[in-house]
N, C-alpha and C. Protein backbone atom coordinates (compact mmCIF):
# COMPACT_ATOMS: atom_id res chain seq x y z
N UNK A 1 51.29 41.32 162.28
CA UNK A 1 51.36 41.08 160.86
C UNK A 1 52.59 41.74 160.26
N UNK A 2 53.01 42.86 160.76
CA UNK A 2 54.17 43.56 160.21
C UNK A 2 55.46 42.77 160.41
N UNK A 3 55.48 41.92 161.43
CA UNK A 3 56.69 41.14 161.68
C UNK A 3 56.86 40.00 160.68
N UNK A 4 55.79 39.59 160.04
CA UNK A 4 55.86 38.50 159.07
C UNK A 4 56.57 38.91 157.78
N UNK A 5 56.57 40.17 157.46
CA UNK A 5 57.19 40.65 156.24
C UNK A 5 56.19 40.74 155.10
N UNK A 6 56.58 41.43 154.09
CA UNK A 6 55.73 41.63 152.92
C UNK A 6 55.79 40.39 152.04
N UNK A 7 54.66 39.82 151.72
CA UNK A 7 54.61 38.58 150.93
C UNK A 7 55.22 38.78 149.55
N UNK A 8 55.12 39.99 148.99
CA UNK A 8 55.69 40.24 147.66
C UNK A 8 57.21 40.13 147.69
N UNK A 9 57.81 40.63 148.75
CA UNK A 9 59.27 40.52 148.89
C UNK A 9 59.67 39.06 149.02
N UNK A 10 58.92 38.31 149.80
CA UNK A 10 59.22 36.89 149.97
C UNK A 10 59.09 36.13 148.65
N UNK A 11 58.07 36.46 147.87
CA UNK A 11 57.88 35.78 146.59
C UNK A 11 58.99 36.11 145.60
N UNK A 12 59.42 37.38 145.57
CA UNK A 12 60.51 37.77 144.66
C UNK A 12 61.80 37.09 145.08
N UNK A 13 62.08 37.06 146.38
CA UNK A 13 63.29 36.37 146.85
C UNK A 13 63.21 34.87 146.53
N UNK A 14 62.04 34.29 146.69
CA UNK A 14 61.85 32.88 146.36
C UNK A 14 62.16 32.63 144.88
N UNK A 15 61.64 33.48 144.01
CA UNK A 15 61.89 33.31 142.57
C UNK A 15 63.35 33.50 142.22
N UNK A 16 63.99 34.52 142.79
CA UNK A 16 65.40 34.77 142.49
C UNK A 16 66.30 33.64 142.98
N UNK A 17 66.08 33.19 144.20
CA UNK A 17 66.91 32.11 144.72
C UNK A 17 66.62 30.78 144.03
N UNK A 18 65.36 30.56 143.67
CA UNK A 18 65.01 29.34 142.93
C UNK A 18 65.65 29.35 141.55
N UNK A 19 65.66 30.51 140.91
CA UNK A 19 66.29 30.62 139.58
C UNK A 19 67.79 30.39 139.67
N UNK A 20 68.41 30.94 140.69
CA UNK A 20 69.86 30.75 140.85
C UNK A 20 70.19 29.28 141.11
N UNK A 21 69.44 28.64 141.99
CA UNK A 21 69.70 27.24 142.29
C UNK A 21 69.39 26.35 141.09
N UNK A 22 68.29 26.62 140.41
CA UNK A 22 67.93 25.84 139.23
C UNK A 22 68.97 26.02 138.13
N UNK A 23 69.48 27.23 137.97
CA UNK A 23 70.53 27.47 136.98
C UNK A 23 71.80 26.70 137.30
N UNK A 24 72.16 26.68 138.56
CA UNK A 24 73.36 25.94 138.97
C UNK A 24 73.19 24.44 138.74
N UNK A 25 72.02 23.92 139.10
CA UNK A 25 71.76 22.49 138.90
C UNK A 25 71.72 22.15 137.41
N UNK A 26 71.06 22.99 136.62
CA UNK A 26 71.00 22.72 135.18
C UNK A 26 72.38 22.83 134.53
N UNK A 27 73.18 23.77 134.99
CA UNK A 27 74.54 23.89 134.46
C UNK A 27 75.32 22.61 134.74
N UNK A 28 75.20 22.09 135.97
CA UNK A 28 75.87 20.85 136.32
C UNK A 28 75.36 19.67 135.51
N UNK A 29 74.05 19.63 135.29
CA UNK A 29 73.49 18.55 134.49
C UNK A 29 73.91 18.65 133.03
N UNK A 30 74.02 19.89 132.52
CA UNK A 30 74.49 20.09 131.16
C UNK A 30 75.96 19.69 131.04
N UNK A 31 76.74 20.02 132.05
CA UNK A 31 78.16 19.66 132.06
C UNK A 31 78.34 18.13 132.08
N UNK A 32 77.45 17.45 132.80
CA UNK A 32 77.52 15.99 132.89
C UNK A 32 76.86 15.30 131.70
N UNK A 33 76.16 16.07 130.87
CA UNK A 33 75.51 15.49 129.70
C UNK A 33 74.15 14.87 130.00
N UNK A 34 73.55 15.23 131.11
CA UNK A 34 72.27 14.66 131.50
C UNK A 34 71.11 15.44 130.89
N UNK A 35 71.18 16.77 130.92
CA UNK A 35 70.11 17.62 130.39
C UNK A 35 70.74 18.87 129.78
N UNK A 36 70.01 19.48 128.85
CA UNK A 36 70.50 20.71 128.22
C UNK A 36 70.13 21.92 129.06
N UNK A 37 71.03 22.91 129.04
CA UNK A 37 70.75 24.17 129.71
C UNK A 37 70.07 25.08 128.69
N UNK A 38 68.74 25.09 128.73
CA UNK A 38 67.97 25.94 127.82
C UNK A 38 67.04 26.82 128.66
N UNK A 39 66.54 27.87 128.05
CA UNK A 39 65.64 28.77 128.75
C UNK A 39 64.34 28.08 129.19
N UNK A 40 63.72 27.25 128.35
CA UNK A 40 62.51 26.54 128.84
C UNK A 40 62.81 25.61 130.02
N UNK A 41 63.94 24.92 129.98
CA UNK A 41 64.30 24.05 131.10
C UNK A 41 64.53 24.87 132.37
N UNK A 42 65.20 26.01 132.23
CA UNK A 42 65.45 26.88 133.37
C UNK A 42 64.14 27.43 133.92
N UNK A 43 63.24 27.84 133.05
CA UNK A 43 61.95 28.38 133.49
C UNK A 43 61.13 27.31 134.21
N UNK A 44 61.10 26.11 133.66
CA UNK A 44 60.34 25.03 134.30
C UNK A 44 60.93 24.66 135.66
N UNK A 45 62.24 24.52 135.72
CA UNK A 45 62.89 24.17 136.98
C UNK A 45 62.69 25.26 138.03
N UNK A 46 62.77 26.51 137.61
CA UNK A 46 62.56 27.62 138.54
C UNK A 46 61.13 27.62 139.06
N UNK A 47 60.16 27.46 138.17
CA UNK A 47 58.76 27.45 138.58
C UNK A 47 58.46 26.28 139.51
N UNK A 48 58.99 25.12 139.19
CA UNK A 48 58.75 23.94 140.03
C UNK A 48 59.38 24.11 141.41
N UNK A 49 60.59 24.59 141.44
CA UNK A 49 61.28 24.78 142.72
C UNK A 49 60.62 25.88 143.55
N UNK A 50 60.21 26.97 142.92
CA UNK A 50 59.53 28.06 143.63
C UNK A 50 58.19 27.59 144.18
N UNK A 51 57.45 26.82 143.40
CA UNK A 51 56.16 26.30 143.87
C UNK A 51 56.35 25.34 145.03
N UNK A 52 57.32 24.47 144.93
CA UNK A 52 57.60 23.53 146.01
C UNK A 52 57.99 24.28 147.28
N UNK A 53 58.84 25.27 147.15
CA UNK A 53 59.25 26.07 148.30
C UNK A 53 58.06 26.80 148.91
N UNK A 54 57.21 27.36 148.09
CA UNK A 54 56.03 28.08 148.56
C UNK A 54 55.10 27.16 149.35
N UNK A 55 54.87 25.96 148.82
CA UNK A 55 53.98 25.01 149.47
C UNK A 55 54.56 24.54 150.80
N UNK A 56 55.85 24.25 150.81
CA UNK A 56 56.47 23.72 152.03
C UNK A 56 56.55 24.80 153.11
N UNK A 57 56.91 26.01 152.74
CA UNK A 57 57.11 27.06 153.73
C UNK A 57 55.80 27.67 154.19
N UNK A 58 54.84 27.87 153.32
CA UNK A 58 53.61 28.56 153.67
C UNK A 58 52.40 27.63 153.78
N UNK A 59 52.61 26.40 154.14
CA UNK A 59 51.48 25.46 154.23
C UNK A 59 50.60 25.72 155.41
């Protein structure tokens, strides 16, 4: 079990990396005029991406 790592560390890394990727994608979409870069959009995209990653990796 110790080799698997601490789940809390994995969840924090998942949230941080999801937020960074979601921010980059939203910035690009804002630059292209597709969607606005707002805090609610960033929060939703981060939560959706983190949940998707969690389900795919820990299924």
